[in-house]
Protein backbone atom coordinates (compact mmCIF):
# COMPACT_ATOMS: atom_id res chain seq x y z
CA MET A 1 -62.73 40.21 51.22
CA ALA A 2 -60.85 37.32 49.66
CA LYS A 3 -62.73 34.10 49.19
CA ASP A 4 -61.68 31.27 51.51
CA SER A 5 -60.09 28.20 49.98
CA SER A 6 -60.67 24.74 51.38
CA PHE A 7 -59.99 21.05 50.98
CA ASP A 8 -61.30 17.83 52.53
CA VAL A 9 -59.26 15.24 54.40
CA VAL A 10 -60.75 11.78 53.80
CA SER A 11 -59.86 8.12 54.22
CA GLN A 12 -61.45 6.06 51.48
CA ILE A 13 -60.59 3.15 49.22
CA ASP A 14 -61.75 2.15 45.76
CA MET A 15 -63.94 -0.92 46.35
CA GLN A 16 -63.67 -1.98 42.69
CA GLU A 17 -59.88 -2.18 43.06
CA MET A 18 -60.37 -4.06 46.35
CA ASP A 19 -62.63 -6.54 44.55
CA ASN A 20 -59.96 -7.01 41.89
CA ALA A 21 -57.29 -7.61 44.56
CA VAL A 22 -59.53 -10.21 46.26
CA ASN A 23 -60.15 -12.00 42.94
CA GLN A 24 -56.41 -12.08 42.17
CA THR A 25 -55.78 -13.48 45.66
CA LYS A 26 -58.36 -16.21 45.09
CA LYS A 27 -56.66 -17.17 41.81
CA GLU A 28 -53.24 -17.36 43.45
CA ILE A 29 -54.58 -19.45 46.33
CA ALA A 30 -56.11 -21.88 43.84
CA GLN A 31 -52.75 -22.25 42.04
CA ARG A 32 -50.33 -22.39 44.99
CA PHE A 33 -48.88 -25.76 45.94
CA ASP A 34 -49.25 -25.27 49.70
CA PHE A 35 -53.00 -24.63 49.27
CA ARG A 36 -53.73 -27.71 47.10
CA GLY A 37 -56.60 -29.72 48.55
CA SER A 38 -57.27 -27.23 51.30
CA SER A 39 -60.52 -25.47 52.06
CA ALA A 40 -58.90 -22.03 52.18
CA SER A 41 -61.25 -19.29 51.01
CA LEU A 42 -61.65 -15.53 50.93
CA GLU A 43 -64.94 -13.64 50.60
CA LEU A 44 -65.54 -9.91 50.23
CA ASP A 45 -68.64 -8.32 51.78
CA GLU A 46 -69.48 -4.62 51.66
CA LYS A 47 -67.28 -3.64 54.61
CA SER A 48 -65.40 -6.79 55.58
CA LEU A 49 -63.50 -9.84 54.41
CA LYS A 50 -64.07 -13.39 55.61
CA LEU A 51 -61.00 -15.66 55.58
CA THR A 52 -61.26 -19.41 56.15
CA GLY A 53 -58.48 -22.00 56.34
CA GLU A 54 -57.24 -25.16 58.07
CA ASP A 55 -54.96 -23.32 60.51
CA GLU A 56 -53.62 -19.89 61.42
CA TYR A 57 -50.68 -20.30 59.06
CA LYS A 58 -53.00 -20.52 56.07
CA LEU A 59 -54.96 -17.46 57.24
CA THR A 60 -51.78 -15.39 57.55
CA ALA A 61 -50.63 -16.63 54.13
CA ILE A 62 -53.95 -15.55 52.57
CA LEU A 63 -53.68 -12.16 54.27
CA ASP A 64 -50.08 -11.74 53.06
CA VAL A 65 -51.06 -12.52 49.46
CA LEU A 66 -53.99 -10.09 49.72
CA ARG A 67 -51.72 -7.34 51.05
CA GLN A 68 -49.32 -7.86 48.14
CA ARG A 69 -52.17 -7.56 45.64
CA MET A 70 -53.49 -4.46 47.43
CA ALA A 71 -50.06 -2.82 47.32
CA LYS A 72 -49.79 -3.42 43.57
CA ARG A 73 -53.18 -1.77 43.09
CA ASN A 74 -52.35 1.25 45.31
CA ILE A 75 -54.91 0.33 47.96
CA PRO A 76 -53.81 1.52 51.41
CA LEU A 77 -52.87 -1.40 53.69
CA LYS A 78 -53.88 0.54 56.81
CA CYS A 79 -57.55 0.07 55.92
CA LEU A 80 -57.46 -3.61 56.97
CA LYS A 81 -58.28 -4.28 60.62
CA PRO A 82 -57.94 -8.05 61.26
CA GLY A 83 -60.15 -9.52 63.95
CA LYS A 84 -59.35 -12.47 66.18
CA VAL A 85 -59.01 -15.98 64.81
CA GLU A 86 -62.00 -18.19 65.68
CA SER A 87 -62.42 -21.93 65.36
CA ALA A 88 -65.05 -23.04 62.85
CA ALA A 89 -66.69 -26.28 61.73
CA LYS A 90 -64.72 -29.34 60.55
CA GLY A 91 -61.51 -28.31 62.30
CA THR A 92 -61.07 -25.08 60.31
CA VAL A 93 -60.47 -21.55 61.53
CA ARG A 94 -61.87 -18.27 60.30
CA GLN A 95 -61.10 -14.61 60.68
CA ASN A 96 -63.07 -11.46 59.92
CA VAL A 97 -61.07 -8.52 58.58
CA GLU A 98 -62.82 -5.14 58.69
CA ILE A 99 -62.28 -2.71 55.81
CA GLU A 100 -62.13 0.70 57.43
CA GLN A 101 -63.33 3.67 55.39
CA GLY A 102 -63.92 7.19 56.59
CA ILE A 103 -62.25 8.97 59.47
CA PRO A 104 -63.51 7.89 62.92
CA LYS A 105 -64.50 10.70 65.29
CA GLU A 106 -61.56 10.21 67.66
CA LYS A 107 -59.07 10.28 64.75
CA ALA A 108 -60.80 13.40 63.39
CA ARG A 109 -60.35 15.07 66.77
CA ASP A 110 -56.64 14.18 66.69
CA ILE A 111 -56.31 15.64 63.18
CA ILE A 112 -58.07 18.86 64.18
CA ALA A 113 -55.92 19.14 67.32
CA ALA A 114 -52.75 18.71 65.23
CA ILE A 115 -53.91 21.43 62.83
CA LYS A 116 -54.71 23.81 65.70
CA ALA A 117 -51.37 23.07 67.39
CA SER A 118 -49.55 24.12 64.21
CA LYS A 119 -50.75 27.74 64.77
CA LEU A 120 -51.55 28.14 61.06
CA LYS A 121 -54.40 30.52 60.26
CA VAL A 122 -56.83 27.87 59.06
CA SER A 123 -59.99 26.39 60.48
CA ALA A 124 -60.80 22.68 60.59
CA GLN A 125 -64.16 21.05 61.22
CA MET A 126 -65.60 17.54 61.24
CA GLN A 127 -68.17 16.66 58.60
CA ASP A 128 -69.50 13.10 58.91
CA ASP A 129 -66.47 10.90 58.17
CA GLN A 130 -64.17 13.63 56.81
CA VAL A 131 -62.47 16.83 57.96
CA ARG A 132 -62.82 20.11 56.06
CA VAL A 133 -59.93 22.55 56.32
CA SER A 134 -60.44 26.12 55.12
CA GLY A 135 -58.30 29.23 55.13
CA ALA A 136 -57.64 32.47 53.25
CA LYS A 137 -54.22 31.49 51.84
CA LYS A 138 -53.56 28.42 49.73
CA ASP A 139 -49.97 28.33 50.99
CA GLU A 140 -51.22 27.70 54.51
CA LEU A 141 -53.54 24.96 53.27
CA GLN A 142 -50.59 23.30 51.53
CA ALA A 143 -48.63 23.58 54.78
CA VAL A 144 -51.48 21.76 56.55
CA ILE A 145 -51.36 19.01 53.92
CA GLN A 146 -47.61 18.61 54.47
CA LEU A 147 -48.13 18.55 58.24
CA LEU A 148 -50.77 15.81 57.98
CA LYS A 149 -48.64 13.76 55.56
CA GLN A 150 -45.76 13.80 58.04
CA SER A 151 -47.97 12.80 60.99
CA ASP A 152 -49.15 9.24 61.56
CA PHE A 153 -52.76 8.94 62.66
CA GLY A 154 -53.04 5.18 62.06
CA ILE A 155 -55.18 5.63 58.94
CA ASP A 156 -54.41 6.48 55.34
CA LEU A 157 -55.37 10.07 54.46
CA GLN A 158 -56.25 11.56 51.09
CA PHE A 159 -56.77 15.22 50.29
CA ILE A 160 -59.58 16.04 47.88
CA ASN A 161 -61.76 18.96 46.69
CA MET A 162 -59.05 21.63 46.82
CA ARG A 163 -60.86 24.86 46.01
């Protein structure tokens, strides 16, 4: 019997590149004329960003600059999930932005359902925060990759560990 081939569908970002994008954003904020004398700031935690500014305009400007830096560093923009804007001390506002990594269970179910609906002879299964797809023919696995690239699941997908 032929050995099955497989690959993993994941959604992950390089946190070192994210840190670099945040640092570049901080430098640009410090140099921009419209941010002179303001208390605008950006902090990176393990799984979230904390934005602070005088008003919502400044928060959206910080987020726009961050997205530009992320795009230049090939970090998927879909990983950012902005929260609601809250008022903070001294008349400032803040916003938490979640950095989403891994495939949530409901998205994994949607991916598996799309693979099964394609009627290709492959099997897909959830493994923690990724989906493993295996099949006898590599051509069918590549067809699954093309199918998933064409579909929009609301998250950025990468395909790793092709064996």
